[in-house]
PDB file of N, CA and C in Angstrom:
ATOM      1  N   MET A   1      23.784   9.074  -2.613  1.00  0.00           N
ATOM      2  CA  MET A   1      23.381   8.596  -3.379  1.00  0.00           C
ATOM      3  C   MET A   1      21.899   8.911  -3.545  1.00  0.00           C
ATOM      4  N   ASN A   2      21.193   9.406  -5.138  1.00  0.00           N
ATOM      5  CA  ASN A   2      20.443  10.663  -5.031  1.00  0.00           C
ATOM      6  C   ASN A   2      18.945   9.718  -4.864  1.00  0.00           C
ATOM      7  N   GLU A   3      17.973   9.858  -3.819  1.00  0.00           N
ATOM      8  CA  GLU A   3      16.810   9.578  -3.743  1.00  0.00           C
ATOM      9  C   GLU A   3      15.245  10.125  -4.830  1.00  0.00           C
ATOM     10  N   PRO A   4      14.624   8.851  -5.301  1.00  0.00           N
ATOM     11  CA  PRO A   4      13.955   8.556  -6.450  1.00  0.00           C
ATOM     12  C   PRO A   4      12.990   9.880  -6.201  1.00  0.00           C
ATOM     13  N   HIS A   5      13.200  10.446  -7.552  1.00  0.00           N
ATOM     14  CA  HIS A   5      11.578  11.723  -6.830  1.00  0.00           C
ATOM     15  C   HIS A   5      10.281  10.739  -6.936  1.00  0.00           C
ATOM     16  N   PHE A   6       9.381  11.727  -6.964  1.00  0.00           N
ATOM     17  CA  PHE A   6       7.955  11.511  -6.897  1.00  0.00           C
ATOM     18  C   PHE A   6       7.552  11.442  -8.196  1.00  0.00           C
ATOM     19  N   ARG A   7       6.883  10.253  -8.806  1.00  0.00           N
ATOM     20  CA  ARG A   7       5.773   9.864  -9.689  1.00  0.00           C
ATOM     21  C   ARG A   7       4.174   9.505  -9.191  1.00  0.00           C
ATOM     22  N   THR A   8       4.238   9.633 -10.338  1.00  0.00           N
ATOM     23  CA  THR A   8       2.524   9.167  -9.977  1.00  0.00           C
ATOM     24  C   THR A   8       2.782   7.030 -10.245  1.00  0.00           C
ATOM     25  N   LEU A   9       1.940   6.584  -9.611  1.00  0.00           N
ATOM     26  CA  LEU A   9       1.371   5.187  -9.563  1.00  0.00           C
ATOM     27  C   LEU A   9       1.398   4.528 -10.923  1.00  0.00           C
ATOM     28  N   THR A  10       1.819   3.332 -11.037  1.00  0.00           N
ATOM     29  CA  THR A  10       2.177   2.730 -11.710  1.00  0.00           C
ATOM     30  C   THR A  10       0.798   1.671 -11.209  1.00  0.00           C
ATOM     31  N   ASP A  11       0.149   1.241 -12.983  1.00  0.00           N
ATOM     32  CA  ASP A  11      -1.238  -0.094 -12.732  1.00  0.00           C
ATOM     33  C   ASP A  11      -0.757  -0.752 -11.869  1.00  0.00           C
ATOM     34  N   SER A  12      -0.023  -1.462 -11.696  1.00  0.00           N
ATOM     35  CA  SER A  12      -0.156  -2.678 -11.002  1.00  0.00           C
ATOM     36  C   SER A  12      -0.326  -1.719  -9.672  1.00  0.00           C
ATOM     37  N   GLU A  13       0.409  -0.931  -9.249  1.00  0.00           N
ATOM     38  CA  GLU A  13       0.458  -0.687  -8.120  1.00  0.00           C
ATOM     39  C   GLU A  13      -0.764  -0.212  -7.741  1.00  0.00           C
ATOM     40  N   ARG A  14      -1.644   1.152  -8.619  1.00  0.00           N
ATOM     41  CA  ARG A  14      -2.602   1.416  -8.292  1.00  0.00           C
ATOM     42  C   ARG A  14      -3.467   0.200  -8.332  1.00  0.00           C
ATOM     43  N   ASN A  15      -3.739  -0.985  -9.281  1.00  0.00           N
ATOM     44  CA  ASN A  15      -4.558  -1.874  -8.769  1.00  0.00           C
ATOM     45  C   ASN A  15      -4.325  -2.510  -7.369  1.00  0.00           C
ATOM     46  N   ILE A  16      -3.345  -2.670  -7.032  1.00  0.00           N
ATOM     47  CA  ILE A  16      -3.366  -3.363  -5.180  1.00  0.00           C
ATOM     48  C   ILE A  16      -3.783  -2.358  -4.184  1.00  0.00           C
ATOM     49  N   LEU A  17      -3.467  -1.113  -4.604  1.00  0.00           N
ATOM     50  CA  LEU A  17      -4.359  -0.230  -3.579  1.00  0.00           C
ATOM     51  C   LEU A  17      -5.752   0.230  -3.730  1.00  0.00           C
ATOM     52  N   ALA A  18      -6.394  -0.536  -5.108  1.00  0.00           N
ATOM     53  CA  ALA A  18      -7.566  -0.581  -5.513  1.00  0.00           C
ATOM     54  C   ALA A  18      -8.554  -1.675  -4.362  1.00  0.00           C
ATOM     55  N   LYS A  19      -7.763  -2.636  -4.905  1.00  0.00           N
ATOM     56  CA  LYS A  19      -7.732  -4.212  -3.980  1.00  0.00           C
ATOM     57  C   LYS A  19      -8.302  -3.879  -2.423  1.00  0.00           C
ATOM     58  N   LEU A  20      -6.732  -2.995  -1.838  1.00  0.00           N
ATOM     59  CA  LEU A  20      -7.255  -2.528  -0.828  1.00  0.00           C
ATOM     60  C   LEU A  20      -8.701  -1.782  -0.281  1.00  0.00           C
ATOM     61  N   LEU A  21      -8.377  -1.165  -0.638  1.00  0.00           N
ATOM     62  CA  LEU A  21      -9.534  -0.397  -0.054  1.00  0.00           C
ATOM     63  C   LEU A  21     -10.606  -0.773  -1.026  1.00  0.00           C
ATOM     64  N   SER A  22     -10.887  -1.720  -1.138  1.00  0.00           N
ATOM     65  CA  SER A  22     -12.238  -2.381  -2.039  1.00  0.00           C
ATOM     66  C   SER A  22     -13.574  -2.771  -1.136  1.00  0.00           C
ATOM     67  N   THR A  23     -12.847  -3.358   0.532  1.00  0.00           N
ATOM     68  CA  THR A  23     -13.243  -3.275   1.694  1.00  0.00           C
ATOM     69  C   THR A  23     -13.537  -2.109   2.647  1.00  0.00           C
ATOM     70  N   ASP A  24     -14.274  -2.117   3.275  1.00  0.00           N
ATOM     71  CA  ASP A  24     -15.428  -1.100   4.007  1.00  0.00           C
ATOM     72  C   ASP A  24     -14.528  -1.081   5.536  1.00  0.00           C
ATOM     73  N   PHE A  25     -13.703   0.405   5.928  1.00  0.00           N
ATOM     74  CA  PHE A  25     -13.176   0.116   7.144  1.00  0.00           C
ATOM     75  C   PHE A  25     -13.274   1.697   7.107  1.00  0.00           C
ATOM     76  N   GLU A  26     -13.312   2.702   8.579  1.00  0.00           N
ATOM     77  CA  GLU A  26     -13.329   3.507   8.361  1.00  0.00           C
ATOM     78  C   GLU A  26     -11.792   4.931   8.209  1.00  0.00           C
ATOM     79  N   GLY A  27     -12.498   5.919   7.394  1.00  0.00           N
ATOM     80  CA  GLY A  27     -11.823   6.705   6.684  1.00  0.00           C
ATOM     81  C   GLY A  27     -11.267   6.187   5.129  1.00  0.00           C
ATOM     82  N   ARG A  28     -11.869   4.877   5.051  1.00  0.00           N
ATOM     83  CA  ARG A  28     -11.722   4.607   3.230  1.00  0.00           C
ATOM     84  C   ARG A  28     -11.729   5.774   2.126  1.00  0.00           C
ATOM     85  N   ASP A  29     -12.641   6.075   2.505  1.00  0.00           N
ATOM     86  CA  ASP A  29     -13.363   7.115   1.310  1.00  0.00           C
ATOM     87  C   ASP A  29     -12.573   7.869   0.866  1.00  0.00           C
ATOM     88  N   ALA A  30     -11.779   8.965   2.458  1.00  0.00           N
ATOM     89  CA  ALA A  30     -10.404   9.826   2.717  1.00  0.00           C
ATOM     90  C   ALA A  30      -9.586   8.932   1.765  1.00  0.00           C
ATOM     91  N   ILE A  31      -8.816   7.665   1.851  1.00  0.00           N
ATOM     92  CA  ILE A  31      -8.196   7.121   1.603  1.00  0.00           C
ATOM     93  C   ILE A  31      -8.094   7.347   0.213  1.00  0.00           C
ATOM     94  N   LYS A  32      -8.493   7.310  -0.313  1.00  0.00           N
ATOM     95  CA  LYS A  32      -9.374   6.938  -1.853  1.00  0.00           C
ATOM     96  C   LYS A  32      -9.261   8.042  -2.243  1.00  0.00           C
ATOM     97  N   HIS A  33      -9.848   9.073  -1.832  1.00  0.00           N
ATOM     98  CA  HIS A  33      -9.488   9.924  -2.734  1.00  0.00           C
ATOM     99  C   HIS A  33      -8.265  11.028  -2.419  1.00  0.00           C
ATOM    100  N   GLN A  34      -7.252  10.654  -1.580  1.00  0.00           N
ATOM    101  CA  GLN A  34      -5.578  10.814  -1.453  1.00  0.00           C
ATOM    102  C   GLN A  34      -5.166  10.037  -1.934  1.00  0.00           C
ATOM    103  N   VAL A  35      -5.501   8.378  -2.435  1.00  0.00           N
ATOM    104  CA  VAL A  35      -5.036   8.442  -3.450  1.00  0.00           C
ATOM    105  C   VAL A  35      -4.720   8.852  -4.995  1.00  0.00           C
ATOM    106  N   ASP A  36      -6.168   8.569  -5.018  1.00  0.00           N
ATOM    107  CA  ASP A  36      -6.456   9.637  -6.608  1.00  0.00           C
ATOM    108  C   ASP A  36      -5.600  11.022  -6.613  1.00  0.00           C
ATOM    109  N   ARG A  37      -5.033  11.104  -5.537  1.00  0.00           N
ATOM    110  CA  ARG A  37      -4.386  12.972  -5.503  1.00  0.00           C
ATOM    111  C   ARG A  37      -2.682  12.710  -5.234  1.00  0.00           C
ATOM    112  N   CYS A  38      -2.205  11.482  -5.499  1.00  0.00           N
ATOM    113  CA  CYS A  38      -1.235  11.181  -4.768  1.00  0.00           C
ATOM    114  C   CYS A  38       0.100  11.369  -5.239  1.00  0.00           C
ATOM    115  N   LEU A  39       1.495  11.910  -5.150  1.00  0.00           N
ATOM    116  CA  LEU A  39       2.443  10.753  -5.610  1.00  0.00           C
ATOM    117  C   LEU A  39       3.216   9.870  -4.959  1.00  0.00           C
ATOM    118  N   VAL A  40       4.085   9.355  -5.183  1.00  0.00           N
ATOM    119  CA  VAL A  40       4.948   7.977  -4.705  1.00  0.00           C
ATOM    120  C   VAL A  40       5.923   7.712  -5.227  1.00  0.00           C
ATOM    121  N   ARG A  41       7.086   6.979  -4.718  1.00  0.00           N
ATOM    122  CA  ARG A  41       8.039   7.140  -4.430  1.00  0.00           C
ATOM    123  C   ARG A  41       8.602   5.778  -3.929  1.00  0.00           C
ATOM    124  N   ALA A  42       9.300   4.615  -4.749  1.00  0.00           N
ATOM    125  CA  ALA A  42      10.290   3.236  -4.177  1.00  0.00           C
ATOM    126  C   ALA A  42      10.865   4.109  -3.203  1.00  0.00           C
ATOM    127  N   ILE A  43      10.971   2.944  -2.306  1.00  0.00           N
ATOM    128  CA  ILE A  43      11.437   3.512  -0.678  1.00  0.00           C
ATOM    129  C   ILE A  43      12.342   2.348  -0.328  1.00  0.00           C
ATOM    130  N   ASP A  44      12.224   0.673  -1.146  1.00  0.00           N
ATOM    131  CA  ASP A  44      13.086  -0.080  -1.337  1.00  0.00           C
ATOM    132  C   ASP A  44      13.054  -1.237  -2.487  1.00  0.00           C
ATOM    133  N   VAL A  45      13.720  -1.592  -2.120  1.00  0.00           N
ATOM    134  CA  VAL A  45      14.051  -3.232  -3.130  1.00  0.00           C
ATOM    135  C   VAL A  45      12.975  -3.948  -3.668  1.00  0.00           C
ATOM    136  N   ASN A  46      11.758  -3.930  -2.390  1.00  0.00           N
ATOM    137  CA  ASN A  46      10.198  -4.880  -2.852  1.00  0.00           C
ATOM    138  C   ASN A  46       9.555  -3.839  -3.242  1.00  0.00           C
ATOM    139  N   GLY A  47       9.681  -2.552  -3.474  1.00  0.00           N
ATOM    140  CA  GLY A  47       8.526  -2.020  -4.441  1.00  0.00           C
ATOM    141  C   GLY A  47       7.295  -1.020  -2.976  1.00  0.00           C
ATOM    142  N   SER A  48       7.878  -0.582  -1.344  1.00  0.00           N
ATOM    143  CA  SER A  48       7.603  -0.209  -1.045  1.00  0.00           C
ATOM    144  C   SER A  48       7.310   1.368  -1.156  1.00  0.00           C
ATOM    145  N   LEU A  49       6.671   1.299  -0.932  1.00  0.00           N
ATOM    146  CA  LEU A  49       6.218   3.096  -2.011  1.00  0.00           C
ATOM    147  C   LEU A  49       5.693   4.202  -0.723  1.00  0.00           C
ATOM    148  N   GLU A  50       6.559   5.149  -0.747  1.00  0.00           N
ATOM    149  CA  GLU A  50       6.688   6.609   0.083  1.00  0.00           C
ATOM    150  C   GLU A  50       5.513   7.141  -0.707  1.00  0.00           C
ATOM    151  N   PHE A  51       3.744   7.611   0.057  1.00  0.00           N
ATOM    152  CA  PHE A  51       2.997   8.837  -0.678  1.00  0.00           C
ATOM    153  C   PHE A  51       2.949  10.080  -0.357  1.00  0.00           C
ATOM    154  N   SER A  52       2.983  11.315  -1.457  1.00  0.00           N
ATOM    155  CA  SER A  52       2.569  12.363  -1.299  1.00  0.00           C
ATOM    156  C   SER A  52       0.996  12.643  -1.242  1.00  0.00           C
ATOM    157  N   ALA A  53       0.376  12.934  -0.305  1.00  0.00           N
ATOM    158  CA  ALA A  53      -0.412  13.193  -0.917  1.00  0.00           C
ATOM    159  C   ALA A  53      -0.754  14.712  -1.456  1.00  0.00           C
ATOM    160  N   GLN A  54      -1.225  14.435  -2.449  1.00  0.00           N
ATOM    161  CA  GLN A  54      -2.032  16.105  -2.862  1.00  0.00           C
ATOM    162  C   GLN A  54      -2.973  17.103  -2.585  1.00  0.00           C
ATOM    163  N   THR A  55      -4.191  16.340  -1.689  1.00  0.00           N
ATOM    164  CA  THR A  55      -4.987  17.251  -1.043  1.00  0.00           C
ATOM    165  C   THR A  55      -5.236  16.842   0.361  1.00  0.00           C
ATOM    166  N   GLY A  56      -5.730  18.078   0.835  1.00  0.00           N
ATOM    167  CA  GLY A  56      -5.931  18.609   1.819  1.00  0.00           C
ATOM    168  C   GLY A  56      -6.359  17.163   2.787  1.00  0.00           C
ATOM    169  N   VAL A  57      -7.949  16.258   2.118  1.00  0.00           N
ATOM    170  CA  VAL A  57      -8.746  16.197   3.043  1.00  0.00           C
ATOM    171  C   VAL A  57      -7.478  14.962   3.766  1.00  0.00           C
ATOM    172  N   ARG A  58      -8.218  14.729   4.683  1.00  0.00           N
ATOM    173  CA  ARG A  58      -7.905  13.829   6.098  1.00  0.00           C
ATOM    174  C   ARG A  58      -9.111  12.696   6.091  1.00  0.00           C
ATOM    175  N   ALA A  59      -7.742  11.482   6.744  1.00  0.00           N
ATOM    176  CA  ALA A  59      -8.492  10.532   6.281  1.00  0.00           C
ATOM    177  C   ALA A  59      -8.696   9.904   8.698  1.00  0.00           C
ATOM    178  N   GLN A  60     -10.268  10.026   8.756  1.00  0.00           N
ATOM    179  CA  GLN A  60      -9.925   9.422  10.055  1.00  0.00           C
ATOM    180  C   GLN A  60      -9.956   7.501  10.255  1.00  0.00           C
ATOM    181  N   VAL A  61      -8.636   7.498  10.516  1.00  0.00           N
ATOM    182  CA  VAL A  61      -8.084   5.695  10.732  1.00  0.00           C
ATOM    183  C   VAL A  61      -8.330   5.491  12.033  1.00  0.00           C
ATOM    184  N   LYS A  62      -8.675   4.808  12.339  1.00  0.00           N
ATOM    185  CA  LYS A  62      -8.582   3.812  14.200  1.00  0.00           C
ATOM    186  C   LYS A  62      -7.173   3.687  14.944  1.00  0.00           C
ATOM    187  N   ARG A  63      -6.462   3.300  13.154  1.00  0.00           N
ATOM    188  CA  ARG A  63      -5.204   2.500  13.134  1.00  0.00           C
ATOM    189  C   ARG A  63      -4.058   2.977  12.464  1.00  0.00           C
ATOM    190  N   ARG A  64      -3.051   2.792  13.234  1.00  0.00           N
ATOM    191  CA  ARG A  64      -1.879   3.628  12.060  1.00  0.00           C
ATOM    192  C   ARG A  64      -1.985   2.901  10.721  1.00  0.00           C
ATOM    193  N   ILE A  65      -2.024   1.685  11.199  1.00  0.00           N
ATOM    194  CA  ILE A  65      -2.045  -0.003   9.599  1.00  0.00           C
ATOM    195  C   ILE A  65      -3.946  -0.467   9.790  1.00  0.00           C
ATOM    196  N   PRO A  66      -4.682   0.251   8.958  1.00  0.00           N
ATOM    197  CA  PRO A  66      -6.341   0.612   9.028  1.00  0.00           C
ATOM    198  C   PRO A  66      -6.554  -0.502   7.806  1.00  0.00           C
ATOM    199  N   VAL A  67      -5.660  -1.377   6.849  1.00  0.00           N
ATOM    200  CA  VAL A  67      -5.730  -2.578   6.799  1.00  0.00           C
ATOM    201  C   VAL A  67      -4.508  -3.118   5.352  1.00  0.00           C
ATOM    202  N   GLU A  68      -4.573  -4.478   5.796  1.00  0.00           N
ATOM    203  CA  GLU A  68      -3.532  -4.733   5.067  1.00  0.00           C
ATOM    204  C   GLU A  68      -3.818  -6.513   4.310  1.00  0.00           C
ATOM    205  N   GLY A  69      -2.804  -6.648   3.470  1.00  0.00           N
ATOM    206  CA  GLY A  69      -3.343  -7.496   2.665  1.00  0.00           C
ATOM    207  C   GLY A  69      -1.869  -8.859   2.863  1.00  0.00           C
ATOM    208  N   GLN A  70      -2.433  -9.943   1.911  1.00  0.00           N
ATOM    209  CA  GLN A  70      -1.032 -11.048   1.768  1.00  0.00           C
ATOM    210  C   GLN A  70      -1.609 -11.752   0.235  1.00  0.00           C
ATOM    211  N   PHE A  71      -0.207 -11.825  -0.273  1.00  0.00           N
ATOM    212  CA  PHE A  71       0.064 -12.890  -0.929  1.00  0.00           C
ATOM    213  C   PHE A  71       0.912 -14.172  -0.745  1.00  0.00           C
ATOM    214  N   VAL A  72       1.154 -15.072  -1.634  1.00  0.00           N
ATOM    215  CA  VAL A  72       1.970 -15.954  -1.889  1.00  0.00           C
ATOM    216  C   VAL A  72       3.067 -15.620  -2.974  1.00  0.00           C
ATOM    217  N   ASP A  73       4.008 -15.754  -2.656  1.00  0.00           N
ATOM    218  CA  ASP A  73       5.052 -15.266  -4.169  1.00  0.00           C
ATOM    219  C   ASP A  73       5.618 -16.750  -4.338  1.00  0.00           C
ATOM    220  N   VAL A  74       6.017 -16.745  -5.952  1.00  0.00           N
ATOM    221  CA  VAL A  74       6.464 -17.921  -6.436  1.00  0.00           C
ATOM    222  C   VAL A  74       6.920 -18.797  -5.479  1.00  0.00           C
ATOM    223  N   ASP A  75       7.589 -18.539  -4.301  1.00  0.00           N
ATOM    224  CA  ASP A  75       8.733 -18.939  -4.258  1.00  0.00           C
ATOM    225  C   ASP A  75       7.819 -20.090  -2.262  1.00  0.00           C
ATOM    226  N   GLY A  76       6.507 -19.917  -2.859  1.00  0.00           N
ATOM    227  CA  GLY A  76       5.555 -20.393  -1.806  1.00  0.00           C
ATOM    228  C   GLY A  76       6.240 -19.411  -0.355  1.00  0.00           C
ATOM    229  N   MET A  77       6.686 -18.452  -0.015  1.00  0.00           N
ATOM    230  CA  MET A  77       6.581 -17.710   0.476  1.00  0.00           C
ATOM    231  C   MET A  77       5.950 -16.927   0.531  1.00  0.00           C
ATOM    232  N   GLN A  78       5.125 -16.102   1.952  1.00  0.00           N
ATOM    233  CA  GLN A  78       3.568 -15.449   2.172  1.00  0.00           C
ATOM    234  C   GLN A  78       4.314 -13.816   2.571  1.00  0.00           C
ATOM    235  N   ILE A  79       3.877 -12.740   1.367  1.00  0.00           N
ATOM    236  CA  ILE A  79       4.206 -11.258   1.004  1.00  0.00           C
ATOM    237  C   ILE A  79       3.030 -10.417   1.572  1.00  0.00           C
ATOM    238  N   HIS A  80       3.607 -10.036   2.492  1.00  0.00           N
ATOM    239  CA  HIS A  80       2.761  -8.888   3.285  1.00  0.00           C
ATOM    240  C   HIS A  80       2.656  -7.888   2.665  1.00  0.00           C
ATOM    241  N   VAL A  81       1.302  -6.907   2.744  1.00  0.00           N
ATOM    242  CA  VAL A  81       1.172  -5.728   1.867  1.00  0.00           C
ATOM    243  C   VAL A  81       0.541  -5.356   2.939  1.00  0.00           C
ATOM    244  N   LEU A  82       0.674  -3.645   3.902  1.00  0.00           N
ATOM    245  CA  LEU A  82       0.291  -2.991   4.813  1.00  0.00           C
ATOM    246  C   LEU A  82       0.760  -1.804   4.380  1.00  0.00           C
ATOM    247  N   LEU A  83      -0.506  -0.770   4.439  1.00  0.00           N
ATOM    248  CA  LEU A  83      -1.126   0.378   4.253  1.00  0.00           C
ATOM    249  C   LEU A  83      -0.885   0.757   5.609  1.00  0.00           C
ATOM    250  N   HIS A  84       0.022   1.872   5.135  1.00  0.00           N
ATOM    251  CA  HIS A  84       0.360   2.696   6.884  1.00  0.00           C
ATOM    252  C   HIS A  84      -0.734   4.887   6.466  1.00  0.00           C
ATOM    253  N   VAL A  85      -1.337   4.568   7.222  1.00  0.00           N
ATOM    254  CA  VAL A  85      -1.811   6.100   7.687  1.00  0.00           C
ATOM    255  C   VAL A  85      -1.103   6.763   8.845  1.00  0.00           C
ATOM    256  N   PHE A  86      -0.650   7.919   8.476  1.00  0.00           N
ATOM    257  CA  PHE A  86       0.228   8.935   9.123  1.00  0.00           C
ATOM    258  C   PHE A  86      -0.450  10.061   9.670  1.00  0.00           C
ATOM    259  N   ASP A  87      -0.560  11.104  10.597  1.00  0.00           N
ATOM    260  CA  ASP A  87      -1.433  12.090  10.533  1.00  0.00           C
ATOM    261  C   ASP A  87      -2.671  12.229   9.612  1.00  0.00           C
ATOM    262  N   GLN A  88      -3.691  10.951   9.997  1.00  0.00           N
ATOM    263  CA  GLN A  88      -4.626  10.860   9.099  1.00  0.00           C
ATOM    264  C   GLN A  88      -4.113  11.351   7.016  1.00  0.00           C
ATOM    265  N   LYS A  89      -2.982  10.962   7.168  1.00  0.00           N
ATOM    266  CA  LYS A  89      -2.523  10.852   5.181  1.00  0.00           C
ATOM    267  C   LYS A  89      -2.403   9.810   4.800  1.00  0.00           C
ATOM    268  N   ILE A  90      -2.732   8.921   3.939  1.00  0.00           N
ATOM    269  CA  ILE A  90      -1.863   8.057   3.634  1.00  0.00           C
ATOM    270  C   ILE A  90      -0.224   8.183   3.839  1.00  0.00           C
ATOM    271  N   ALA A  91       0.478   7.139   3.952  1.00  0.00           N
ATOM    272  CA  ALA A  91       1.690   7.893   4.486  1.00  0.00           C
ATOM    273  C   ALA A  91       2.589   6.598   3.261  1.00  0.00           C
ATOM    274  N   GLU A  92       2.626   5.168   3.265  1.00  0.00           N
ATOM    275  CA  GLU A  92       3.521   3.882   2.799  1.00  0.00           C
ATOM    276  C   GLU A  92       2.501   2.803   3.054  1.00  0.00           C
ATOM    277  N   LEU A  93       2.847   2.482   1.436  1.00  0.00           N
ATOM    278  CA  LEU A  93       2.608   0.708   1.397  1.00  0.00           C
ATOM    279  C   LEU A  93       3.787   0.020   1.240  1.00  0.00           C
ATOM    280  N   GLU A  94       3.910  -0.873   1.932  1.00  0.00           N
ATOM    281  CA  GLU A  94       4.441  -1.616   2.326  1.00  0.00           C
ATOM    282  C   GLU A  94       5.118  -2.793   2.373  1.00  0.00           C
ATOM    283  N   PHE A  95       5.997  -4.052   1.506  1.00  0.00           N
ATOM    284  CA  PHE A  95       5.952  -5.025   1.150  1.00  0.00           C
ATOM    285  C   PHE A  95       7.215  -5.503   1.636  1.00  0.00           C
ATOM    286  N   TYR A  96       6.682  -6.747   1.823  1.00  0.00           N
ATOM    287  CA  TYR A  96       7.628  -8.073   2.849  1.00  0.00           C
ATOM    288  C   TYR A  96       7.411  -9.260   2.962  1.00  0.00           C
ATOM    289  N   LYS A  97       8.270 -10.493   3.220  1.00  0.00           N
ATOM    290  CA  LYS A  97       8.523 -11.577   3.287  1.00  0.00           C
ATOM    291  C   LYS A  97       8.182 -11.714   4.775  1.00  0.00           C
ATOM    292  N   ASP A  98       7.706 -13.211   4.874  1.00  0.00           N
ATOM    293  CA  ASP A  98       8.554 -13.444   6.439  1.00  0.00           C
ATOM    294  C   ASP A  98       9.472 -14.155   6.764  1.00  0.00           C
ATOM    295  N   ASP A  99      10.053 -14.277   5.710  1.00  0.00           N
ATOM    296  CA  ASP A  99      11.725 -14.452   5.594  1.00  0.00           C
ATOM    297  C   ASP A  99      12.356 -13.895   5.301  1.00  0.00           C
ATOM    298  N   SER A 100      11.768 -12.510   5.281  1.00  0.00           N
ATOM    299  CA  SER A 100      12.728 -11.390   4.804  1.00  0.00           C
ATOM    300  C   SER A 100      13.560 -11.344   3.517  1.00  0.00           C
ATOM    301  N   SER A 101      13.419 -12.541   2.829  1.00  0.00           N
ATOM    302  CA  SER A 101      14.004 -12.445   1.315  1.00  0.00           C
ATOM    303  C   SER A 101      13.316 -11.765   0.494  1.00  0.00           C
ATOM    304  N   LEU A 102      14.236 -11.512  -0.618  1.00  0.00           N
ATOM    305  CA  LEU A 102      13.214 -10.334  -1.877  1.00  0.00           C
ATOM    306  C   LEU A 102      12.524 -11.041  -2.510  1.00  0.00           C
ATOM    307  N   ILE A 103      10.806 -10.542  -3.319  1.00  0.00           N
ATOM    308  CA  ILE A 103      10.072 -10.913  -3.855  1.00  0.00           C
ATOM    309  C   ILE A 103      10.762 -11.303  -4.664  1.00  0.00           C
ATOM    310  N   VAL A 104      10.234 -12.110  -5.252  1.00  0.00           N
ATOM    311  CA  VAL A 104      10.887 -12.869  -6.935  1.00  0.00           C
ATOM    312  C   VAL A 104       9.772 -12.852  -7.866  1.00  0.00           C
ATOM    313  N   ARG A 105       8.226 -12.493  -7.455  1.00  0.00           N
ATOM    314  CA  ARG A 105       7.159 -11.792  -8.396  1.00  0.00           C
ATOM    315  C   ARG A 105       6.256 -11.404  -7.974  1.00  0.00           C
ATOM    316  N   MET A 106       6.102 -10.193  -8.178  1.00  0.00           N
ATOM    317  CA  MET A 106       4.775  -9.396  -7.096  1.00  0.00           C
ATOM    318  C   MET A 106       3.570 -10.071  -7.982  1.00  0.00           C
ATOM    319  N   PRO A 107       2.421 -10.914  -7.213  1.00  0.00           N
ATOM    320  CA  PRO A 107       1.138 -11.776  -8.036  1.00  0.00           C
ATOM    321  C   PRO A 107       0.113 -10.493  -8.619  1.00  0.00           C
ATOM    322  N   PRO A 108      -0.313 -10.818  -9.035  1.00  0.00           N
ATOM    323  CA  PRO A 108      -1.408  -9.181 -10.024  1.00  0.00           C
ATOM    324  C   PRO A 108      -2.574  -9.961  -7.789  1.00  0.00           C
ATOM    325  N   ALA A 109      -2.978  -8.268  -8.507  1.00  0.00           N
ATOM    326  CA  ALA A 109      -4.390  -8.070  -7.284  1.00  0.00           C
ATOM    327  C   ALA A 109      -5.110  -8.781  -6.967  1.00  0.00           C
ATOM    328  N   GLU A 110      -5.571  -9.260  -8.105  1.00  0.00           N
ATOM    329  CA  GLU A 110      -6.858 -10.241  -7.605  1.00  0.00           C
ATOM    330  C   GLU A 110      -6.381 -11.223  -6.778  1.00  0.00           C
ATOM    331  N   LYS A 111      -5.122 -11.592  -6.484  1.00  0.00           N
ATOM    332  CA  LYS A 111      -4.669 -12.565  -5.674  1.00  0.00           C
ATOM    333  C   LYS A 111      -4.517 -11.954  -4.006  1.00  0.00           C
ATOM    334  N   LEU A 112      -4.708 -10.831  -3.960  1.00  0.00           N
ATOM    335  CA  LEU A 112      -4.546 -10.381  -2.834  1.00  0.00           C
ATOM    336  C   LEU A 112      -5.540 -10.728  -1.933  1.00  0.00           C
ATOM    337  N   GLU A 113      -4.962 -11.814  -0.783  1.00  0.00           N
ATOM    338  CA  GLU A 113      -5.983 -11.796   0.710  1.00  0.00           C
ATOM    339  C   GLU A 113      -6.013 -10.384   1.700  1.00  0.00           C
ATOM    340  N   ILE A 114      -7.232  -9.866   1.687  1.00  0.00           N
ATOM    341  CA  ILE A 114      -7.382  -8.643   2.559  1.00  0.00           C
ATOM    342  C   ILE A 114      -7.389  -8.754   4.206  1.00  0.00           C
ATOM    343  N   ILE A 115      -6.736  -8.549   4.410  1.00  0.00           N
ATOM    344  CA  ILE A 115      -7.394  -8.820   5.931  1.00  0.00           C
ATOM    345  C   ILE A 115      -7.653  -7.262   7.062  1.00  0.00           C
ATOM    346  N   LEU A 116      -8.589  -7.503   7.667  1.00  0.00           N
ATOM    347  CA  LEU A 116      -9.132  -5.864   8.887  1.00  0.00           C
ATOM    348  C   LEU A 116      -8.638  -6.263  10.076  1.00  0.00           C
ATOM    349  N   LEU A 117      -8.071  -5.964  11.001  1.00  0.00           N
ATOM    350  CA  LEU A 117      -7.978  -5.999  11.982  1.00  0.00           C
ATOM    351  C   LEU A 117      -9.087  -5.209  12.729  1.00  0.00           C
ATOM    352  N   PRO A 118      -9.615  -5.895  13.839  1.00  0.00           N
ATOM    353  CA  PRO A 118     -10.978  -5.531  14.342  1.00  0.00           C
ATOM    354  C   PRO A 118     -10.694  -4.533  15.516  1.00  0.00           C
TER     355      PRO A 118
END
């Protein structure tokens, strides 16, 4: 099986990232810089993304998942959105549902509820 090639972010993906990064947390500005200079590729059927940051800027974060969010899918199940940072670089945007089913329809970014762990 051929792996998908890295590509630029779609508007929808960029909007979700912008919403996640609209909240203040340690390392956020560096992650914003990385997002502006990155390529991505889908890594699963739910649209989770692997990032290739095209910059040397490092994000000093306190935890591997510095911010996350949640939506409600049209079937009523919770969709979780986790932003992963590894080795001080944005690494993955993970989408999954509580019941492990496939996402039916990704809600618009403005419906995303942000979660910051202490």
